[in-house]
């Protein structure tokens, strides 16, 4: 019985790890497939993309908040300033779901994984997207 459980866990980890990454510290699961590094979207498209995403059998993905994005930043690294363990390592600018308080209908916060800096930007710009879900 223990052998079957171990094999099941190993298979699940291999399948799960192929397109998403669990951050054991926060319990957040991050999209980690080729789309992260290859496609850009404006803010509305990014939210809609995450809301419709189905990865690893889950459909409860969403655009992460700025605070959530910072949980995967590693300031000891650069280009990208991203925690180890991610298969897709991009130093591009990524959308957050956090609106900019100064103009919340037209601007939101973005985070650069080049060095881990954040700034607000107009929602019509096209940036990369890495969706997240709670475990």
C-alpha atoms as a PDB file:
ATOM      1  CA  UNK A   1       0.000   0.000   0.000  1.00  0.00           C
ATOM      2  CA  UNK A   2       2.834   2.401   0.844  1.00  0.00           C
ATOM      3  CA  UNK A   3       4.425   1.720  -2.541  1.00  0.00           C
ATOM      4  CA  UNK A   4       1.184   2.565  -4.382  1.00  0.00           C
ATOM      5  CA  UNK A   5       0.803   5.795  -2.376  1.00  0.00           C
ATOM      6  CA  UNK A   6       4.406   6.765  -3.124  1.00  0.00           C
ATOM      7  CA  UNK A   7       3.956   6.086  -6.841  1.00  0.00           C
ATOM      8  CA  UNK A   8       0.727   8.089  -6.881  1.00  0.00           C
ATOM      9  CA  UNK A   9       2.431  11.032  -5.146  1.00  0.00           C
ATOM     10  CA  UNK A  10       5.385  10.857  -7.521  1.00  0.00           C
ATOM     11  CA  UNK A  11       3.136  10.753 -10.589  1.00  0.00           C
ATOM     12  CA  UNK A  12       1.053  13.671  -9.257  1.00  0.00           C
ATOM     13  CA  UNK A  13       4.200  15.698  -8.563  1.00  0.00           C
ATOM     14  CA  UNK A  14       5.552  15.074 -12.053  1.00  0.00           C
ATOM     15  CA  UNK A  15       2.283  15.993 -13.741  1.00  0.00           C
ATOM     16  CA  UNK A  16       1.618  18.925 -11.411  1.00  0.00           C
ATOM     17  CA  UNK A  17       5.134  20.288 -11.693  1.00  0.00           C
ATOM     18  CA  UNK A  18       5.043  20.288 -15.474  1.00  0.00           C
ATOM     19  CA  UNK A  19       2.880  23.401 -15.840  1.00  0.00           C
ATOM     20  CA  UNK A  20       2.542  24.913 -12.373  1.00  0.00           C
ATOM     21  CA  UNK A  21       4.719  25.530  -9.326  1.00  0.00           C
ATOM     22  CA  UNK A  22       3.671  25.254  -5.692  1.00  0.00           C
ATOM     23  CA  UNK A  23       5.231  27.788  -3.331  1.00  0.00           C
ATOM     24  CA  UNK A  24       5.265  25.745  -0.140  1.00  0.00           C
ATOM     25  CA  UNK A  25       5.874  28.826   2.015  1.00  0.00           C
ATOM     26  CA  UNK A  26       2.704  30.655   0.917  1.00  0.00           C
ATOM     27  CA  UNK A  27       0.587  27.767  -0.382  1.00  0.00           C
ATOM     28  CA  UNK A  28       0.101  29.613  -3.668  1.00  0.00           C
ATOM     29  CA  UNK A  29       0.301  27.696  -6.932  1.00  0.00           C
ATOM     30  CA  UNK A  30       1.800  29.587  -9.868  1.00  0.00           C
ATOM     31  CA  UNK A  31       1.338  29.061 -13.590  1.00  0.00           C
ATOM     32  CA  UNK A  32       4.683  27.843 -14.916  1.00  0.00           C
ATOM     33  CA  UNK A  33       4.311  27.015 -18.604  1.00  0.00           C
ATOM     34  CA  UNK A  34       5.586  28.504 -21.861  1.00  0.00           C
ATOM     35  CA  UNK A  35       2.717  30.994 -22.166  1.00  0.00           C
ATOM     36  CA  UNK A  36       4.200  32.908 -19.205  1.00  0.00           C
ATOM     37  CA  UNK A  37       7.260  33.877 -21.237  1.00  0.00           C
ATOM     38  CA  UNK A  38       5.745  34.133 -24.684  1.00  0.00           C
ATOM     39  CA  UNK A  39       2.478  36.083 -24.576  1.00  0.00           C
ATOM     40  CA  UNK A  40       1.599  39.634 -23.538  1.00  0.00           C
ATOM     41  CA  UNK A  41      -1.847  41.071 -22.813  1.00  0.00           C
ATOM     42  CA  UNK A  42      -3.427  44.321 -21.667  1.00  0.00           C
ATOM     43  CA  UNK A  43      -4.907  44.442 -18.160  1.00  0.00           C
ATOM     44  CA  UNK A  44      -8.478  43.440 -19.100  1.00  0.00           C
ATOM     45  CA  UNK A  45      -7.196  40.597 -21.280  1.00  0.00           C
ATOM     46  CA  UNK A  46      -4.863  39.445 -18.494  1.00  0.00           C
ATOM     47  CA  UNK A  47      -7.710  39.228 -15.972  1.00  0.00           C
ATOM     48  CA  UNK A  48      -9.946  37.412 -18.461  1.00  0.00           C
ATOM     49  CA  UNK A  49      -7.110  35.044 -19.408  1.00  0.00           C
ATOM     50  CA  UNK A  50      -6.463  34.020 -15.783  1.00  0.00           C
ATOM     51  CA  UNK A  51     -10.185  33.683 -15.038  1.00  0.00           C
ATOM     52  CA  UNK A  52     -10.571  31.281 -17.997  1.00  0.00           C
ATOM     53  CA  UNK A  53      -7.294  29.382 -17.519  1.00  0.00           C
ATOM     54  CA  UNK A  54      -7.373  25.622 -16.990  1.00  0.00           C
ATOM     55  CA  UNK A  55      -4.024  24.141 -15.966  1.00  0.00           C
ATOM     56  CA  UNK A  56      -3.299  20.859 -14.205  1.00  0.00           C
ATOM     57  CA  UNK A  57      -7.012  20.150 -13.898  1.00  0.00           C
ATOM     58  CA  UNK A  58      -7.807  23.385 -12.060  1.00  0.00           C
ATOM     59  CA  UNK A  59      -9.906  26.290 -13.301  1.00  0.00           C
ATOM     60  CA  UNK A  60      -9.773  28.633 -10.268  1.00  0.00           C
ATOM     61  CA  UNK A  61      -6.811  30.687 -11.516  1.00  0.00           C
ATOM     62  CA  UNK A  62      -6.715  34.487 -11.139  1.00  0.00           C
ATOM     63  CA  UNK A  63      -4.444  37.453 -11.701  1.00  0.00           C
ATOM     64  CA  UNK A  64      -2.157  37.812  -8.641  1.00  0.00           C
ATOM     65  CA  UNK A  65      -2.017  40.870  -6.424  1.00  0.00           C
ATOM     66  CA  UNK A  66       1.190  42.873  -6.205  1.00  0.00           C
ATOM     67  CA  UNK A  67       1.751  41.461  -2.721  1.00  0.00           C
ATOM     68  CA  UNK A  68       1.419  37.900  -4.057  1.00  0.00           C
ATOM     69  CA  UNK A  69       3.865  38.583  -6.897  1.00  0.00           C
ATOM     70  CA  UNK A  70       6.421  39.826  -4.385  1.00  0.00           C
ATOM     71  CA  UNK A  71       6.292  36.434  -2.616  1.00  0.00           C
ATOM     72  CA  UNK A  72       8.143  34.877  -5.572  1.00  0.00           C
ATOM     73  CA  UNK A  73      10.718  37.656  -5.948  1.00  0.00           C
ATOM     74  CA  UNK A  74      14.243  36.827  -4.804  1.00  0.00           C
ATOM     75  CA  UNK A  75      16.227  40.054  -4.428  1.00  0.00           C
ATOM     76  CA  UNK A  76      19.479  38.074  -4.129  1.00  0.00           C
ATOM     77  CA  UNK A  77      19.053  37.213  -7.808  1.00  0.00           C
ATOM     78  CA  UNK A  78      18.599  39.347 -10.868  1.00  0.00           C
ATOM     79  CA  UNK A  79      17.550  38.903 -14.463  1.00  0.00           C
ATOM     80  CA  UNK A  80      15.322  37.334 -13.263  1.00  0.00           C
ATOM     81  CA  UNK A  81      14.853  38.181  -9.595  1.00  0.00           C
ATOM     82  CA  UNK A  82      12.720  35.074  -9.247  1.00  0.00           C
ATOM     83  CA  UNK A  83      12.788  32.320  -6.642  1.00  0.00           C
ATOM     84  CA  UNK A  84      14.460  29.123  -7.776  1.00  0.00           C
ATOM     85  CA  UNK A  85      12.367  26.186  -8.880  1.00  0.00           C
ATOM     86  CA  UNK A  86      10.420  27.888 -11.658  1.00  0.00           C
ATOM     87  CA  UNK A  87      10.845  26.284 -15.070  1.00  0.00           C
ATOM     88  CA  UNK A  88       9.883  29.484 -16.896  1.00  0.00           C
ATOM     89  CA  UNK A  89      12.259  32.269 -15.886  1.00  0.00           C
ATOM     90  CA  UNK A  90      11.432  35.617 -17.461  1.00  0.00           C
ATOM     91  CA  UNK A  91      12.723  39.040 -16.425  1.00  0.00           C
ATOM     92  CA  UNK A  92       9.844  40.880 -18.127  1.00  0.00           C
ATOM     93  CA  UNK A  93       7.189  43.144 -16.589  1.00  0.00           C
ATOM     94  CA  UNK A  94       4.137  41.275 -15.251  1.00  0.00           C
ATOM     95  CA  UNK A  95       0.624  42.442 -14.436  1.00  0.00           C
ATOM     96  CA  UNK A  96      -0.736  42.471 -10.911  1.00  0.00           C
ATOM     97  CA  UNK A  97      -4.435  42.655 -10.054  1.00  0.00           C
ATOM     98  CA  UNK A  98      -3.704  45.611  -7.769  1.00  0.00           C
ATOM     99  CA  UNK A  99      -5.126  48.874  -9.148  1.00  0.00           C
ATOM    100  CA  UNK A 100      -3.124  52.061  -8.727  1.00  0.00           C
ATOM    101  CA  UNK A 101      -4.908  54.176  -6.090  1.00  0.00           C
ATOM    102  CA  UNK A 102      -4.113  57.413  -7.955  1.00  0.00           C
ATOM    103  CA  UNK A 103      -6.095  56.329 -11.035  1.00  0.00           C
ATOM    104  CA  UNK A 104      -7.715  52.915 -10.352  1.00  0.00           C
ATOM    105  CA  UNK A 105      -9.850  52.883 -13.509  1.00  0.00           C
ATOM    106  CA  UNK A 106      -6.899  53.401 -15.870  1.00  0.00           C
ATOM    107  CA  UNK A 107      -3.762  52.183 -14.079  1.00  0.00           C
ATOM    108  CA  UNK A 108      -2.573  49.102 -12.169  1.00  0.00           C
ATOM    109  CA  UNK A 109       0.677  47.945 -10.611  1.00  0.00           C
ATOM    110  CA  UNK A 110       3.205  45.983 -12.609  1.00  0.00           C
ATOM    111  CA  UNK A 111       6.248  44.115 -11.347  1.00  0.00           C
ATOM    112  CA  UNK A 112       9.507  43.566 -13.190  1.00  0.00           C
ATOM    113  CA  UNK A 113      11.289  40.314 -12.527  1.00  0.00           C
ATOM    114  CA  UNK A 114      14.518  41.811 -13.861  1.00  0.00           C
ATOM    115  CA  UNK A 115      15.328  43.295 -10.440  1.00  0.00           C
ATOM    116  CA  UNK A 116      12.048  43.068  -8.491  1.00  0.00           C
ATOM    117  CA  UNK A 117      10.861  46.653  -8.912  1.00  0.00           C
ATOM    118  CA  UNK A 118       7.226  47.723  -9.199  1.00  0.00           C
ATOM    119  CA  UNK A 119       5.525  50.748 -10.707  1.00  0.00           C
ATOM    120  CA  UNK A 120       2.095  51.745 -11.912  1.00  0.00           C
ATOM    121  CA  UNK A 121       1.236  51.658 -15.600  1.00  0.00           C
ATOM    122  CA  UNK A 122      -1.752  52.317 -17.868  1.00  0.00           C
ATOM    123  CA  UNK A 123      -4.034  49.314 -18.270  1.00  0.00           C
ATOM    124  CA  UNK A 124      -3.897  49.481 -22.066  1.00  0.00           C
ATOM    125  CA  UNK A 125      -0.212  48.440 -22.099  1.00  0.00           C
ATOM    126  CA  UNK A 126       0.646  44.844 -22.899  1.00  0.00           C
ATOM    127  CA  UNK A 127       2.587  42.937 -20.255  1.00  0.00           C
ATOM    128  CA  UNK A 128       3.272  39.319 -19.384  1.00  0.00           C
ATOM    129  CA  UNK A 129       0.943  37.329 -17.142  1.00  0.00           C
ATOM    130  CA  UNK A 130       1.659  34.626 -14.553  1.00  0.00           C
ATOM    131  CA  UNK A 131      -1.621  33.433 -13.048  1.00  0.00           C
ATOM    132  CA  UNK A 132      -1.978  32.130  -9.495  1.00  0.00           C
ATOM    133  CA  UNK A 133      -4.364  30.025  -7.445  1.00  0.00           C
ATOM    134  CA  UNK A 134      -4.641  29.070  -3.805  1.00  0.00           C
ATOM    135  CA  UNK A 135      -3.827  25.481  -2.957  1.00  0.00           C
END
